[in-house]
Amino acid sequence: ILPMSANRAPTGADRAWFPLVGLVLGACLVGLDAAAREGLPA
């Protein structure tokens, strides 16, 4: 849902970036995890 657009429909060439998208999602989870663990149980 991140507000990014290439102003065109996705193509087969764009799938090369799938793992990078996963890293972006992982970074979001790391930040949330670090903040939430300060005061919430596991």
PDB file of all heavy atoms in Angstrom:
ATOM      1  N   ILE A   1       0.829  -1.211   0.000  1.00  0.00           N
ATOM      2  CA  ILE A   1       0.000   0.000   0.000  1.00  0.00           C
ATOM      3  C   ILE A   1       0.861   1.259   0.000  1.00  0.00           C
ATOM      4  O   ILE A   1       0.323   2.367   0.039  1.00  0.00           O
ATOM      5  CB  ILE A   1      -0.940   0.036   1.224  1.00  0.00           C
ATOM      6  CG1 ILE A   1      -0.116   0.117   2.529  1.00  0.00           C
ATOM      7  CG2 ILE A   1      -1.878  -1.144   1.238  1.00  0.00           C
ATOM      8  CD1 ILE A   1      -0.956   0.447   3.753  1.00  0.00           C
ATOM      9  N   LEU A   2       2.171   1.087  -0.036  1.00  0.00           N
ATOM     10  CA  LEU A   2       3.054   2.250  -0.006  1.00  0.00           C
ATOM     11  C   LEU A   2       2.807   3.118  -1.232  1.00  0.00           C
ATOM     12  O   LEU A   2       2.652   2.605  -2.351  1.00  0.00           O
ATOM     13  CB  LEU A   2       4.516   1.800   0.053  1.00  0.00           C
ATOM     14  CG  LEU A   2       4.890   0.979   1.294  1.00  0.00           C
ATOM     15  CD1 LEU A   2       6.345   0.535   1.225  1.00  0.00           C
ATOM     16  CD2 LEU A   2       4.635   1.772   2.562  1.00  0.00           C
ATOM     17  N   PRO A   3       2.748   4.436  -1.049  1.00  0.00           N
ATOM     18  CA  PRO A   3       2.343   5.344  -2.135  1.00  0.00           C
ATOM     19  C   PRO A   3       3.436   5.530  -3.175  1.00  0.00           C
ATOM     20  O   PRO A   3       4.078   6.576  -3.264  1.00  0.00           O
ATOM     21  CB  PRO A   3       2.039   6.647  -1.401  1.00  0.00           C
ATOM     22  CG  PRO A   3       2.938   6.617  -0.197  1.00  0.00           C
ATOM     23  CD  PRO A   3       3.006   5.168   0.212  1.00  0.00           C
ATOM     24  N   MET A   4       3.643   4.498  -3.991  1.00  0.00           N
ATOM     25  CA  MET A   4       4.615   4.593  -5.072  1.00  0.00           C
ATOM     26  C   MET A   4       3.947   4.122  -6.357  1.00  0.00           C
ATOM     27  O   MET A   4       3.189   3.155  -6.360  1.00  0.00           O
ATOM     28  CB  MET A   4       5.850   3.741  -4.791  1.00  0.00           C
ATOM     29  CG  MET A   4       6.744   4.293  -3.718  1.00  0.00           C
ATOM     30  SD  MET A   4       8.370   3.518  -3.713  1.00  0.00           S
ATOM     31  CE  MET A   4       9.147   4.409  -2.374  1.00  0.00           C
ATOM     32  N   SER A   5       4.251   4.791  -7.437  1.00  0.00           N
ATOM     33  CA  SER A   5       3.668   4.429  -8.725  1.00  0.00           C
ATOM     34  C   SER A   5       4.649   4.740  -9.832  1.00  0.00           C
ATOM     35  O   SER A   5       5.316   5.774  -9.817  1.00  0.00           O
ATOM     36  CB  SER A   5       2.361   5.180  -8.962  1.00  0.00           C
ATOM     37  OG  SER A   5       1.883   4.937 -10.265  1.00  0.00           O
ATOM     38  N   ALA A   6       4.723   3.816 -10.794  1.00  0.00           N
ATOM     39  CA  ALA A   6       5.596   4.034 -11.956  1.00  0.00           C
ATOM     40  C   ALA A   6       4.821   4.679 -13.095  1.00  0.00           C
ATOM     41  O   ALA A   6       5.355   4.838 -14.191  1.00  0.00           O
ATOM     42  CB  ALA A   6       6.184   2.708 -12.416  1.00  0.00           C
ATOM     43  N   ASN A   7       3.562   5.055 -12.849  1.00  0.00           N
ATOM     44  CA  ASN A   7       2.690   5.651 -13.855  1.00  0.00           C
ATOM     45  C   ASN A   7       2.511   4.742 -15.068  1.00  0.00           C
ATOM     46  O   ASN A   7       2.370   5.206 -16.199  1.00  0.00           O
ATOM     47  CB  ASN A   7       3.242   7.013 -14.301  1.00  0.00           C
ATOM     48  CG  ASN A   7       3.247   8.019 -13.167  1.00  0.00           C
ATOM     49  OD1 ASN A   7       2.292   8.102 -12.391  1.00  0.00           O
ATOM     50  ND2 ASN A   7       4.330   8.777 -13.058  1.00  0.00           N
ATOM     51  N   ARG A   8       2.556   3.446 -14.812  1.00  0.00           N
ATOM     52  CA  ARG A   8       2.297   2.450 -15.858  1.00  0.00           C
ATOM     53  C   ARG A   8       1.952   1.131 -15.192  1.00  0.00           C
ATOM     54  O   ARG A   8       2.176   0.942 -13.995  1.00  0.00           O
ATOM     55  CB  ARG A   8       3.518   2.267 -16.761  1.00  0.00           C
ATOM     56  CG  ARG A   8       4.763   1.764 -16.037  1.00  0.00           C
ATOM     57  CD  ARG A   8       5.811   1.309 -17.034  1.00  0.00           C
ATOM     58  NE  ARG A   8       7.072   0.939 -16.404  1.00  0.00           N
ATOM     59  CZ  ARG A   8       7.294  -0.205 -15.780  1.00  0.00           C
ATOM     60  NH1 ARG A   8       6.335  -1.105 -15.671  1.00  0.00           N
ATOM     61  NH2 ARG A   8       8.483  -0.463 -15.245  1.00  0.00           N
ATOM     62  N   ALA A   9       1.397   0.230 -15.960  1.00  0.00           N
ATOM     63  CA  ALA A   9       1.088  -1.096 -15.430  1.00  0.00           C
ATOM     64  C   ALA A   9       2.385  -1.878 -15.211  1.00  0.00           C
ATOM     65  O   ALA A   9       3.367  -1.676 -15.941  1.00  0.00           O
ATOM     66  CB  ALA A   9       0.184  -1.848 -16.399  1.00  0.00           C
ATOM     67  N   PRO A  10       2.416  -2.758 -14.208  1.00  0.00           N
ATOM     68  CA  PRO A  10       3.619  -3.561 -13.984  1.00  0.00           C
ATOM     69  C   PRO A  10       3.866  -4.523 -15.142  1.00  0.00           C
ATOM     70  O   PRO A  10       2.928  -4.949 -15.823  1.00  0.00           O
ATOM     71  CB  PRO A  10       3.304  -4.306 -12.682  1.00  0.00           C
ATOM     72  CG  PRO A  10       1.822  -4.317 -12.582  1.00  0.00           C
ATOM     73  CD  PRO A  10       1.364  -3.043 -13.222  1.00  0.00           C
ATOM     74  N   THR A  11       5.126  -4.865 -15.344  1.00  0.00           N
ATOM     75  CA  THR A  11       5.514  -5.799 -16.404  1.00  0.00           C
ATOM     76  C   THR A  11       6.424  -6.875 -15.826  1.00  0.00           C
ATOM     77  O   THR A  11       6.823  -6.820 -14.664  1.00  0.00           O
ATOM     78  CB  THR A  11       6.260  -5.067 -17.531  1.00  0.00           C
ATOM     79  OG1 THR A  11       7.534  -4.606 -17.032  1.00  0.00           O
ATOM     80  CG2 THR A  11       5.457  -3.884 -18.043  1.00  0.00           C
ATOM     81  N   GLY A  12       6.772  -7.832 -16.684  1.00  0.00           N
ATOM     82  CA  GLY A  12       7.638  -8.908 -16.232  1.00  0.00           C
ATOM     83  C   GLY A  12       8.987  -8.424 -15.743  1.00  0.00           C
ATOM     84  O   GLY A  12       9.592  -9.038 -14.860  1.00  0.00           O
ATOM     85  N   ALA A  13       9.482  -7.322 -16.285  1.00  0.00           N
ATOM     86  CA  ALA A  13      10.784  -6.809 -15.852  1.00  0.00           C
ATOM     87  C   ALA A  13      10.758  -6.361 -14.398  1.00  0.00           C
ATOM     88  O   ALA A  13      11.785  -6.412 -13.709  1.00  0.00           O
ATOM     89  CB  ALA A  13      11.210  -5.654 -16.746  1.00  0.00           C
ATOM     90  N   ASP A  14       9.598  -5.938 -13.913  1.00  0.00           N
ATOM     91  CA  ASP A  14       9.498  -5.403 -12.552  1.00  0.00           C
ATOM     92  C   ASP A  14       9.591  -6.487 -11.476  1.00  0.00           C
ATOM     93  O   ASP A  14       9.840  -6.181 -10.318  1.00  0.00           O
ATOM     94  CB  ASP A  14       8.185  -4.632 -12.385  1.00  0.00           C
ATOM     95  CG  ASP A  14       8.065  -3.478 -13.356  1.00  0.00           C
ATOM     96  OD1 ASP A  14       9.080  -2.811 -13.604  1.00  0.00           O
ATOM     97  OD2 ASP A  14       6.962  -3.257 -13.880  1.00  0.00           O
ATOM     98  N   ARG A  15       9.397  -7.742 -11.855  1.00  0.00           N
ATOM     99  CA  ARG A  15       9.429  -8.802 -10.851  1.00  0.00           C
ATOM    100  C   ARG A  15      10.825  -9.000 -10.266  1.00  0.00           C
ATOM    101  O   ARG A  15      10.975  -9.597  -9.200  1.00  0.00           O
ATOM    102  CB  ARG A  15       8.923 -10.111 -11.459  1.00  0.00           C
ATOM    103  CG  ARG A  15       9.788 -10.649 -12.588  1.00  0.00           C
ATOM    104  CD  ARG A  15       9.142 -11.852 -13.237  1.00  0.00           C
ATOM    105  NE  ARG A  15      10.005 -12.420 -14.266  1.00  0.00           N
ATOM    106  CZ  ARG A  15       9.757 -13.565 -14.893  1.00  0.00           C
ATOM    107  NH1 ARG A  15       8.668 -14.242 -14.599  1.00  0.00           N
ATOM    108  NH2 ARG A  15      10.586 -14.024 -15.803  1.00  0.00           N
ATOM    109  N   ALA A  16      11.837  -8.491 -10.942  1.00  0.00           N
ATOM    110  CA  ALA A  16      13.192  -8.576 -10.389  1.00  0.00           C
ATOM    111  C   ALA A  16      13.293  -7.890  -9.036  1.00  0.00           C
ATOM    112  O   ALA A  16      14.195  -8.194  -8.237  1.00  0.00           O
ATOM    113  CB  ALA A  16      14.192  -7.952 -11.366  1.00  0.00           C
ATOM    114  N   TRP A  17      12.365  -6.961  -8.762  1.00  0.00           N
ATOM    115  CA  TRP A  17      12.409  -6.183  -7.524  1.00  0.00           C
ATOM    116  C   TRP A  17      11.605  -6.826  -6.390  1.00  0.00           C
ATOM    117  O   TRP A  17      11.553  -6.255  -5.300  1.00  0.00           O
ATOM    118  CB  TRP A  17      11.883  -4.773  -7.783  1.00  0.00           C
ATOM    119  CG  TRP A  17      12.666  -4.022  -8.805  1.00  0.00           C
ATOM    120  CD1 TRP A  17      12.342  -3.825 -10.112  1.00  0.00           C
ATOM    121  CD2 TRP A  17      13.927  -3.378  -8.613  1.00  0.00           C
ATOM    122  NE1 TRP A  17      13.302  -3.095 -10.749  1.00  0.00           N
ATOM    123  CE2 TRP A  17      14.300  -2.802  -9.851  1.00  0.00           C
ATOM    124  CE3 TRP A  17      14.780  -3.234  -7.510  1.00  0.00           C
ATOM    125  CZ2 TRP A  17      15.475  -2.097 -10.017  1.00  0.00           C
ATOM    126  CZ3 TRP A  17      15.965  -2.526  -7.680  1.00  0.00           C
ATOM    127  CH2 TRP A  17      16.300  -1.971  -8.923  1.00  0.00           C
ATOM    128  N   PHE A  18      10.998  -7.977  -6.615  1.00  0.00           N
ATOM    129  CA  PHE A  18      10.184  -8.601  -5.566  1.00  0.00           C
ATOM    130  C   PHE A  18      10.941  -8.780  -4.243  1.00  0.00           C
ATOM    131  O   PHE A  18      10.426  -8.437  -3.180  1.00  0.00           O
ATOM    132  CB  PHE A  18       9.651  -9.952  -6.043  1.00  0.00           C
ATOM    133  CG  PHE A  18       8.418  -9.853  -6.903  1.00  0.00           C
ATOM    134  CD1 PHE A  18       8.029  -8.653  -7.480  1.00  0.00           C
ATOM    135  CD2 PHE A  18       7.644 -10.976  -7.153  1.00  0.00           C
ATOM    136  CE1 PHE A  18       6.894  -8.567  -8.277  1.00  0.00           C
ATOM    137  CE2 PHE A  18       6.506 -10.904  -7.936  1.00  0.00           C
ATOM    138  CZ  PHE A  18       6.127  -9.707  -8.503  1.00  0.00           C
ATOM    139  N   PRO A  19      12.168  -9.342  -4.256  1.00  0.00           N
ATOM    140  CA  PRO A  19      12.889  -9.481  -2.985  1.00  0.00           C
ATOM    141  C   PRO A  19      13.174  -8.144  -2.310  1.00  0.00           C
ATOM    142  O   PRO A  19      13.150  -8.050  -1.076  1.00  0.00           O
ATOM    143  CB  PRO A  19      14.187 -10.196  -3.391  1.00  0.00           C
ATOM    144  CG  PRO A  19      13.821 -10.946  -4.631  1.00  0.00           C
ATOM    145  CD  PRO A  19      12.881 -10.029  -5.357  1.00  0.00           C
ATOM    146  N   LEU A  20      13.434  -7.109  -3.100  1.00  0.00           N
ATOM    147  CA  LEU A  20      13.667  -5.788  -2.519  1.00  0.00           C
ATOM    148  C   LEU A  20      12.402  -5.274  -1.842  1.00  0.00           C
ATOM    149  O   LEU A  20      12.469  -4.660  -0.764  1.00  0.00           O
ATOM    150  CB  LEU A  20      14.118  -4.801  -3.594  1.00  0.00           C
ATOM    151  CG  LEU A  20      14.403  -3.378  -3.099  1.00  0.00           C
ATOM    152  CD1 LEU A  20      15.565  -3.373  -2.119  1.00  0.00           C
ATOM    153  CD2 LEU A  20      14.693  -2.443  -4.277  1.00  0.00           C
ATOM    154  N   VAL A  21      11.244  -5.508  -2.452  1.00  0.00           N
ATOM    155  CA  VAL A  21       9.983  -5.139  -1.803  1.00  0.00           C
ATOM    156  C   VAL A  21       9.862  -5.850  -0.464  1.00  0.00           C
ATOM    157  O   VAL A  21       9.431  -5.265   0.531  1.00  0.00           O
ATOM    158  CB  VAL A  21       8.784  -5.490  -2.709  1.00  0.00           C
ATOM    159  CG1 VAL A  21       7.469  -5.218  -1.988  1.00  0.00           C
ATOM    160  CG2 VAL A  21       8.837  -4.699  -4.007  1.00  0.00           C
ATOM    161  N   GLY A  22      10.260  -7.118  -0.423  1.00  0.00           N
ATOM    162  CA  GLY A  22      10.242  -7.855   0.833  1.00  0.00           C
ATOM    163  C   GLY A  22      11.137  -7.231   1.890  1.00  0.00           C
ATOM    164  O   GLY A  22      10.785  -7.178   3.070  1.00  0.00           O
ATOM    165  N   LEU A  23      12.292  -6.736   1.459  1.00  0.00           N
ATOM    166  CA  LEU A  23      13.191  -6.065   2.406  1.00  0.00           C
ATOM    167  C   LEU A  23      12.567  -4.786   2.958  1.00  0.00           C
ATOM    168  O   LEU A  23      12.727  -4.463   4.143  1.00  0.00           O
ATOM    169  CB  LEU A  23      14.526  -5.740   1.738  1.00  0.00           C
ATOM    170  CG  LEU A  23      15.560  -6.862   1.637  1.00  0.00           C
ATOM    171  CD1 LEU A  23      16.810  -6.360   0.922  1.00  0.00           C
ATOM    172  CD2 LEU A  23      15.922  -7.405   3.019  1.00  0.00           C
ATOM    173  N   VAL A  24      11.867  -4.058   2.104  1.00  0.00           N
ATOM    174  CA  VAL A  24      11.176  -2.837   2.559  1.00  0.00           C
ATOM    175  C   VAL A  24      10.128  -3.200   3.614  1.00  0.00           C
ATOM    176  O   VAL A  24      10.026  -2.551   4.665  1.00  0.00           O
ATOM    177  CB  VAL A  24      10.526  -2.113   1.368  1.00  0.00           C
ATOM    178  CG1 VAL A  24       9.634  -0.980   1.858  1.00  0.00           C
ATOM    179  CG2 VAL A  24      11.591  -1.581   0.421  1.00  0.00           C
ATOM    180  N   LEU A  25       9.367  -4.251   3.358  1.00  0.00           N
ATOM    181  CA  LEU A  25       8.376  -4.698   4.332  1.00  0.00           C
ATOM    182  C   LEU A  25       9.047  -5.158   5.621  1.00  0.00           C
ATOM    183  O   LEU A  25       8.586  -4.859   6.729  1.00  0.00           O
ATOM    184  CB  LEU A  25       7.542  -5.836   3.744  1.00  0.00           C
ATOM    185  CG  LEU A  25       6.608  -5.468   2.592  1.00  0.00           C
ATOM    186  CD1 LEU A  25       6.027  -6.728   1.952  1.00  0.00           C
ATOM    187  CD2 LEU A  25       5.496  -4.558   3.081  1.00  0.00           C
ATOM    188  N   GLY A  26      10.155  -5.879   5.482  1.00  0.00           N
ATOM    189  CA  GLY A  26      10.884  -6.338   6.665  1.00  0.00           C
ATOM    190  C   GLY A  26      11.397  -5.182   7.492  1.00  0.00           C
ATOM    191  O   GLY A  26      11.358  -5.233   8.734  1.00  0.00           O
ATOM    192  N   ALA A  27      11.870  -4.123   6.840  1.00  0.00           N
ATOM    193  CA  ALA A  27      12.351  -2.949   7.576  1.00  0.00           C
ATOM    194  C   ALA A  27      11.216  -2.301   8.362  1.00  0.00           C
ATOM    195  O   ALA A  27      11.417  -1.835   9.496  1.00  0.00           O
ATOM    196  CB  ALA A  27      12.963  -1.946   6.601  1.00  0.00           C
ATOM    197  N   CYS A  28      10.024  -2.266   7.769  1.00  0.00           N
ATOM    198  CA  CYS A  28       8.859  -1.724   8.489  1.00  0.00           C
ATOM    199  C   CYS A  28       8.565  -2.571   9.726  1.00  0.00           C
ATOM    200  O   CYS A  28       8.253  -2.028  10.804  1.00  0.00           O
ATOM    201  CB  CYS A  28       7.641  -1.690   7.578  1.00  0.00           C
ATOM    202  SG  CYS A  28       7.766  -0.551   6.181  1.00  0.00           S
ATOM    203  N   LEU A  29       8.663  -3.885   9.594  1.00  0.00           N
ATOM    204  CA  LEU A  29       8.400  -4.775  10.731  1.00  0.00           C
ATOM    205  C   LEU A  29       9.455  -4.611  11.821  1.00  0.00           C
ATOM    206  O   LEU A  29       9.133  -4.641  13.014  1.00  0.00           O
ATOM    207  CB  LEU A  29       8.366  -6.232  10.261  1.00  0.00           C
ATOM    208  CG  LEU A  29       7.251  -6.626   9.302  1.00  0.00           C
ATOM    209  CD1 LEU A  29       7.328  -8.114   8.982  1.00  0.00           C
ATOM    210  CD2 LEU A  29       5.883  -6.283   9.873  1.00  0.00           C
ATOM    211  N   VAL A  30      10.705  -4.433  11.425  1.00  0.00           N
ATOM    212  CA  VAL A  30      11.777  -4.236  12.411  1.00  0.00           C
ATOM    213  C   VAL A  30      11.530  -2.973  13.225  1.00  0.00           C
ATOM    214  O   VAL A  30      11.682  -2.955  14.452  1.00  0.00           O
ATOM    215  CB  VAL A  30      13.146  -4.169  11.703  1.00  0.00           C
ATOM    216  CG1 VAL A  30      14.229  -3.680  12.662  1.00  0.00           C
ATOM    217  CG2 VAL A  30      13.528  -5.542  11.160  1.00  0.00           C
ATOM    218  N   GLY A  31      11.139  -1.891  12.553  1.00  0.00           N
ATOM    219  CA  GLY A  31      10.859  -0.649  13.268  1.00  0.00           C
ATOM    220  C   GLY A  31       9.682  -0.791  14.219  1.00  0.00           C
ATOM    221  O   GLY A  31       9.737  -0.328  15.370  1.00  0.00           O
ATOM    222  N   LEU A  32       8.607  -1.426  13.760  1.00  0.00           N
ATOM    223  CA  LEU A  32       7.447  -1.634  14.617  1.00  0.00           C
ATOM    224  C   LEU A  32       7.798  -2.531  15.799  1.00  0.00           C
ATOM    225  O   LEU A  32       7.381  -2.274  16.942  1.00  0.00           O
ATOM    226  CB  LEU A  32       6.317  -2.265  13.808  1.00  0.00           C
ATOM    227  CG  LEU A  32       5.062  -2.674  14.592  1.00  0.00           C
ATOM    228  CD1 LEU A  32       4.428  -1.469  15.271  1.00  0.00           C
ATOM    229  CD2 LEU A  32       4.066  -3.371  13.671  1.00  0.00           C
ATOM    230  N   ASP A  33       8.572  -3.573  15.547  1.00  0.00           N
ATOM    231  CA  ASP A  33       8.961  -4.506  16.598  1.00  0.00           C
ATOM    232  C   ASP A  33       9.781  -3.802  17.681  1.00  0.00           C
ATOM    233  O   ASP A  33       9.544  -3.999  18.876  1.00  0.00           O
ATOM    234  CB  ASP A  33       9.775  -5.651  15.987  1.00  0.00           C
ATOM    235  CG  ASP A  33      10.186  -6.699  17.012  1.00  0.00           C
ATOM    236  OD1 ASP A  33       9.291  -7.377  17.554  1.00  0.00           O
ATOM    237  OD2 ASP A  33      11.401  -6.824  17.261  1.00  0.00           O
ATOM    238  N   ALA A  34      10.724  -2.976  17.260  1.00  0.00           N
ATOM    239  CA  ALA A  34      11.570  -2.269  18.223  1.00  0.00           C
ATOM    240  C   ALA A  34      10.741  -1.343  19.100  1.00  0.00           C
ATOM    241  O   ALA A  34      10.972  -1.248  20.319  1.00  0.00           O
ATOM    242  CB  ALA A  34      12.645  -1.482  17.478  1.00  0.00           C
ATOM    243  N   ALA A  35       9.758  -0.675  18.516  1.00  0.00           N
ATOM    244  CA  ALA A  35       8.924   0.243  19.298  1.00  0.00           C
ATOM    245  C   ALA A  35       7.967  -0.520  20.209  1.00  0.00           C
ATOM    246  O   ALA A  35       7.796  -0.167  21.383  1.00  0.00           O
ATOM    247  CB  ALA A  35       8.149   1.153  18.350  1.00  0.00           C
ATOM    248  N   ALA A  36       7.334  -1.568  19.666  1.00  0.00           N
ATOM    249  CA  ALA A  36       6.314  -2.288  20.428  1.00  0.00           C
ATOM    250  C   ALA A  36       6.904  -3.055  21.602  1.00  0.00           C
ATOM    251  O   ALA A  36       6.273  -3.161  22.659  1.00  0.00           O
ATOM    252  CB  ALA A  36       5.562  -3.240  19.504  1.00  0.00           C
ATOM    253  N   ARG A  37       8.121  -3.575  21.447  1.00  0.00           N
ATOM    254  CA  ARG A  37       8.718  -4.374  22.525  1.00  0.00           C
ATOM    255  C   ARG A  37       9.107  -3.528  23.738  1.00  0.00           C
ATOM    256  O   ARG A  37       9.395  -4.078  24.798  1.00  0.00           O
ATOM    257  CB  ARG A  37       9.952  -5.108  21.990  1.00  0.00           C
ATOM    258  CG  ARG A  37       9.628  -6.223  21.018  1.00  0.00           C
ATOM    259  CD  ARG A  37      10.875  -6.891  20.513  1.00  0.00           C
ATOM    260  NE  ARG A  37      11.464  -7.760  21.518  1.00  0.00           N
ATOM    261  CZ  ARG A  37      12.712  -8.214  21.477  1.00  0.00           C
ATOM    262  NH1 ARG A  37      13.521  -7.827  20.498  1.00  0.00           N
ATOM    263  NH2 ARG A  37      13.168  -9.013  22.414  1.00  0.00           N
ATOM    264  N   GLU A  38       9.090  -2.222  23.583  1.00  0.00           N
ATOM    265  CA  GLU A  38       9.418  -1.350  24.713  1.00  0.00           C
ATOM    266  C   GLU A  38       8.382  -1.440  25.826  1.00  0.00           C
ATOM    267  O   GLU A  38       8.706  -1.247  26.996  1.00  0.00           O
ATOM    268  CB  GLU A  38       9.528   0.099  24.231  1.00  0.00           C
ATOM    269  CG  GLU A  38      10.750   0.393  23.374  1.00  0.00           C
ATOM    270  CD  GLU A  38      12.047   0.235  24.155  1.00  0.00           C
ATOM    271  OE1 GLU A  38      12.080   0.629  25.338  1.00  0.00           O
ATOM    272  OE2 GLU A  38      13.025  -0.283  23.579  1.00  0.00           O
ATOM    273  N   GLY A  39       7.128  -1.724  25.473  1.00  0.00           N
ATOM    274  CA  GLY A  39       6.107  -1.725  26.523  1.00  0.00           C
ATOM    275  C   GLY A  39       5.069  -2.808  26.417  1.00  0.00           C
ATOM    276  O   GLY A  39       4.129  -2.841  27.226  1.00  0.00           O
ATOM    277  N   LEU A  40       5.199  -3.704  25.441  1.00  0.00           N
ATOM    278  CA  LEU A  40       4.170  -4.722  25.239  1.00  0.00           C
ATOM    279  C   LEU A  40       4.764  -6.121  25.339  1.00  0.00           C
ATOM    280  O   LEU A  40       5.926  -6.337  24.960  1.00  0.00           O
ATOM    281  CB  LEU A  40       3.517  -4.547  23.865  1.00  0.00           C
ATOM    282  CG  LEU A  40       2.721  -3.247  23.658  1.00  0.00           C
ATOM    283  CD1 LEU A  40       2.282  -3.131  22.212  1.00  0.00           C
ATOM    284  CD2 LEU A  40       1.525  -3.193  24.591  1.00  0.00           C
ATOM    285  N   PRO A  41       3.971  -7.096  25.791  1.00  0.00           N
ATOM    286  CA  PRO A  41       4.459  -8.475  25.848  1.00  0.00           C
ATOM    287  C   PRO A  41       4.598  -9.065  24.453  1.00  0.00           C
ATOM    288  O   PRO A  41       3.994  -8.585  23.483  1.00  0.00           O
ATOM    289  CB  PRO A  41       3.370  -9.196  26.649  1.00  0.00           C
ATOM    290  CG  PRO A  41       2.151  -8.365  26.488  1.00  0.00           C
ATOM    291  CD  PRO A  41       2.623  -6.948  26.356  1.00  0.00           C
ATOM    292  N   ALA A  42       5.382 -10.140  24.371  1.00  0.00           N
ATOM    293  CA  ALA A  42       5.694 -10.747  23.078  1.00  0.00           C
ATOM    294  C   ALA A  42       4.449 -11.202  22.339  1.00  0.00           C
ATOM    295  O   ALA A  42       4.361 -11.103  21.115  1.00  0.00           O
ATOM    296  CB  ALA A  42       6.649 -11.924  23.278  1.00  0.00           C
TER     297      ALA A  42
END
